[in-house]
Protein backbone atom coordinates (compact mmCIF):
# COMPACT_ATOMS: atom_id res chain seq x y z
CA MET A 1 0.00 0.00 0.00
CA ILE A 2 1.17 3.51 -0.82
CA LYS A 3 0.53 6.18 1.77
CA TYR A 4 -1.54 9.01 0.28
CA ASP A 5 1.13 11.65 0.97
CA GLU A 6 3.85 9.50 -0.59
CA PHE A 7 1.66 8.87 -3.67
CA LYS A 8 1.13 12.63 -4.09
CA GLU A 9 4.85 13.29 -3.58
CA VAL A 10 6.09 10.81 -6.21
CA CYS A 11 3.46 11.96 -8.72
CA LYS A 12 4.35 15.64 -8.17
CA LYS A 13 8.07 14.93 -8.56
CA SER A 14 7.36 12.88 -11.71
CA LEU A 15 5.36 15.73 -13.29
CA GLU A 16 8.27 18.08 -12.54
CA MET A 17 10.69 15.62 -14.18
CA ILE A 18 8.49 15.41 -17.30
CA GLU A 19 8.36 19.19 -17.61
CA THR A 20 12.10 19.55 -16.95
CA ALA A 21 12.64 17.07 -19.81
CA GLY A 22 10.87 19.59 -22.07
CA LEU A 23 7.57 17.78 -22.58
CA LEU A 24 4.47 19.94 -22.61
CA LEU A 25 1.61 18.70 -20.43
CA THR A 26 -1.99 19.83 -20.54
CA PRO A 27 -4.04 20.13 -17.34
CA ALA A 28 -5.82 16.91 -18.38
CA ASP A 29 -2.44 15.15 -18.73
CA ARG A 30 -1.39 16.31 -15.26
CA GLY A 31 -4.51 14.71 -13.81
CA LYS A 32 -3.72 11.30 -15.36
CA ILE A 33 -0.42 10.64 -13.59
CA THR A 34 -0.42 7.59 -11.36
CA ALA A 35 2.08 5.43 -9.48
CA ALA A 36 2.52 1.70 -8.94
CA ASP A 37 4.25 0.11 -5.97
CA PHE A 38 3.30 -3.49 -6.90
CA GLY A 39 2.14 -4.11 -3.34
CA LEU A 40 5.72 -3.88 -2.07
CA SER A 41 5.13 -0.68 -0.03
CA HIS A 42 8.45 0.96 -0.86
CA ILE A 43 7.69 2.81 -4.07
CA LYS A 44 10.86 4.92 -4.10
CA GLU A 45 12.91 1.71 -4.35
CA GLU A 46 10.65 -0.55 -6.41
CA GLY A 47 7.90 1.17 -8.35
CA ILE A 48 7.14 3.44 -11.27
CA GLN A 49 5.07 6.48 -12.18
CA ILE A 50 2.96 6.36 -15.35
CA LEU A 51 1.16 8.92 -17.48
CA THR A 52 -0.96 7.26 -20.17
CA MET A 53 -1.09 9.61 -23.16
CA PHE A 54 -3.40 7.43 -25.24
CA GLN A 55 -4.76 3.92 -25.40
CA THR A 56 -6.86 2.36 -28.15
CA GLY A 57 -7.84 -1.23 -28.79
CA ARG A 58 -4.58 -1.73 -30.70
CA ILE A 59 -1.88 0.71 -29.50
CA ALA A 60 -0.86 2.74 -26.47
CA GLY A 61 1.56 5.53 -25.61
CA LYS A 62 2.77 6.27 -22.10
CA ILE A 63 5.35 8.38 -20.35
CA LEU A 64 7.15 6.32 -17.70
CA ILE A 65 9.05 8.03 -14.90
CA LEU A 66 11.59 6.58 -12.49
CA LEU A 67 12.87 8.62 -9.56
CA PRO A 68 16.61 8.46 -8.83
CA PHE A 69 17.65 4.80 -8.46
CA GLN A 70 14.00 3.64 -8.56
CA THR A 71 13.54 0.17 -10.07
CA GLU A 72 10.67 -1.28 -12.12
CA PRO A 73 10.55 -4.95 -11.03
CA GLU A 74 11.41 -7.77 -13.44
CA HIS A 75 8.42 -8.81 -15.54
CA TRP A 76 7.27 -9.93 -18.97
CA HIS A 77 4.18 -9.52 -21.13
CA PRO A 78 2.87 -13.07 -21.75
CA THR A 79 0.73 -14.61 -24.44
CA VAL A 80 -2.90 -14.72 -23.29
CA GLY A 81 -5.36 -16.70 -25.40
CA ASP A 82 -5.14 -15.49 -28.99
CA ASP A 83 -3.14 -12.38 -27.97
CA ALA A 84 0.59 -12.88 -28.58
CA GLY A 85 1.42 -10.50 -25.73
CA LYS A 86 2.31 -6.85 -25.56
CA GLU A 87 5.17 -5.65 -27.76
CA GLU A 88 6.86 -2.53 -26.41
CA VAL A 89 9.30 0.11 -27.59
CA ILE A 90 11.06 2.20 -24.94
CA ARG A 91 12.59 5.53 -25.96
CA ALA A 92 14.69 7.40 -23.40
CA ILE A 93 13.85 11.09 -22.98
CA SER A 94 15.96 12.25 -20.03
CA GLY A 95 18.28 10.86 -17.39
CA GLU A 96 20.23 7.63 -17.54
CA LEU A 97 18.33 4.37 -17.72
CA TYR A 98 19.69 0.88 -17.10
CA PHE A 99 17.64 -1.78 -18.88
CA TYR A 100 18.09 -5.50 -18.20
CA ILE A 101 17.14 -8.12 -20.80
CA PRO A 102 18.13 -11.70 -21.69
CA GLY A 103 21.78 -12.17 -22.64
CA GLU A 104 25.26 -12.15 -21.19
CA ASN A 105 25.75 -10.86 -17.63
CA ASN A 106 27.50 -7.54 -18.20
CA MET A 107 25.92 -5.62 -15.30
CA LYS A 108 28.12 -2.72 -14.18
CA LYS A 109 26.07 0.44 -13.53
CA GLY A 110 22.85 -0.73 -11.91
CA PHE A 111 22.27 -2.78 -8.79
CA ILE A 112 19.96 -5.51 -7.55
CA VAL A 113 17.51 -4.37 -4.89
CA GLU A 114 18.83 -5.64 -1.56
CA GLY A 115 17.63 -9.14 -0.71
CA LYS A 116 16.02 -9.63 -4.14
CA GLU A 117 18.76 -11.51 -6.05
CA ASP A 118 16.29 -14.24 -7.08
CA CYS A 119 13.75 -11.67 -8.31
CA TYR A 120 16.07 -9.91 -10.77
CA THR A 121 17.43 -12.64 -13.01
CA MET A 122 18.16 -10.63 -16.17
CA ARG A 123 21.69 -9.17 -15.97
CA ASN A 124 22.36 -8.12 -19.59
CA GLU A 125 22.66 -4.36 -19.10
CA VAL A 126 21.73 -1.88 -21.83
CA ILE A 127 22.58 1.69 -20.81
CA MET A 128 20.14 4.12 -22.38
CA LYS A 129 20.64 7.85 -22.73
CA PRO A 130 18.20 10.41 -24.19
CA GLY A 131 17.25 9.42 -27.74
CA ASP A 132 18.17 5.75 -27.32
CA GLN A 133 15.48 3.21 -28.14
CA LEU A 134 14.95 -0.44 -27.22
CA GLU A 135 12.43 -2.86 -28.75
CA LEU A 136 10.98 -5.57 -26.52
CA PRO A 137 9.23 -8.44 -28.32
CA ALA A 138 6.26 -9.98 -26.50
CA GLY A 139 7.31 -12.35 -23.74
CA THR A 140 10.75 -10.74 -23.18
CA LYS A 141 11.65 -10.80 -19.51
CA HIS A 142 13.00 -7.37 -18.47
CA TRP A 143 13.45 -4.84 -15.69
CA PHE A 144 14.88 -1.35 -15.55
CA GLN A 145 16.35 1.18 -13.17
CA ALA A 146 17.12 4.90 -13.21
CA GLY A 147 20.49 6.44 -12.53
CA ALA A 148 21.19 9.27 -10.09
CA GLN A 149 19.05 11.85 -11.94
CA GLY A 150 16.03 9.61 -12.40
CA ALA A 151 14.72 8.88 -15.91
CA VAL A 152 11.83 9.80 -18.16
CA MET A 153 10.96 7.61 -21.14
CA TYR A 154 8.25 6.91 -23.67
CA SER A 155 6.62 3.50 -23.85
CA PHE A 156 4.86 2.75 -27.13
CA SER A 157 3.17 -0.61 -27.27
CA THR A 158 0.52 -2.82 -28.73
CA THR A 159 -2.67 -3.13 -26.71
CA VAL A 160 -2.04 -2.57 -23.03
CA THR A 161 -2.36 -5.84 -21.15
CA ASP A 162 -0.59 -4.72 -17.98
CA LEU A 163 -2.93 -6.65 -15.68
CA ASN A 164 -1.65 -9.82 -17.38
CA ASP A 165 2.01 -9.01 -16.73
CA GLN A 166 3.94 -11.75 -14.96
CA PHE A 167 6.59 -10.97 -12.34
CA THR A 168 9.60 -12.91 -11.11
CA ASP A 169 9.00 -11.67 -7.55
CA PRO A 170 6.17 -13.84 -6.14
CA SER A 171 5.23 -11.17 -3.57
CA ILE A 172 4.16 -8.64 -6.22
CA VAL A 173 0.52 -7.62 -6.37
CA ARG A 174 -0.47 -5.95 -9.66
CA ASP A 175 -3.15 -3.63 -8.29
CA THR A 176 -1.80 -0.61 -6.43
CA VAL A 177 -3.67 0.35 -3.27
CA ILE A 178 -3.43 3.97 -2.16
CA GLU A 179 -4.24 4.93 1.40
CA LYS A 180 -7.30 7.17 1.57
CA GLU A 181 -6.73 10.92 1.54
CA PRO A 182 -6.54 12.25 5.09
CA ASN A 183 -9.64 14.13 6.19
CA THR A 184 -9.17 17.86 6.01
CA LEU A 185 -11.38 20.50 7.58
């Protein structure tokens, strides 16, 4: 569960990071920002902030934001029924981003969240800087982490099937629960 004040804090910081990166946001965009802690209750370590720009029955565009050293847990977009699974293209906008995908263990810049060695199995590090792009075929196990400045990126994908995502960490819960807003007089 995310505490209400912490949810507001990470969303506010994420909006600031988007604007600092030079992206123009409308008031409607600003109202669509959300955060996911995956039920782990330490969003600044393991979590992500998301602004969905558009979503149709076939494609989606999002802005993903990681605070400094924040990590999106290892996951993949599986085949479900007749759907082959979500294909995704990540394009770095600002900050330094460490992406981990299948391949040789060449991990140098990022780090495994303490006590979670079994939950972060991909160690093939791709360092992304603004303008870099990475294509993720459906079913590709991956995770990513921001450097010291945090990171802002685009995610363009086929139909969003995020509720079907599978995670290596068995303690992850897909639905984020936010503590109710404190009563104010």
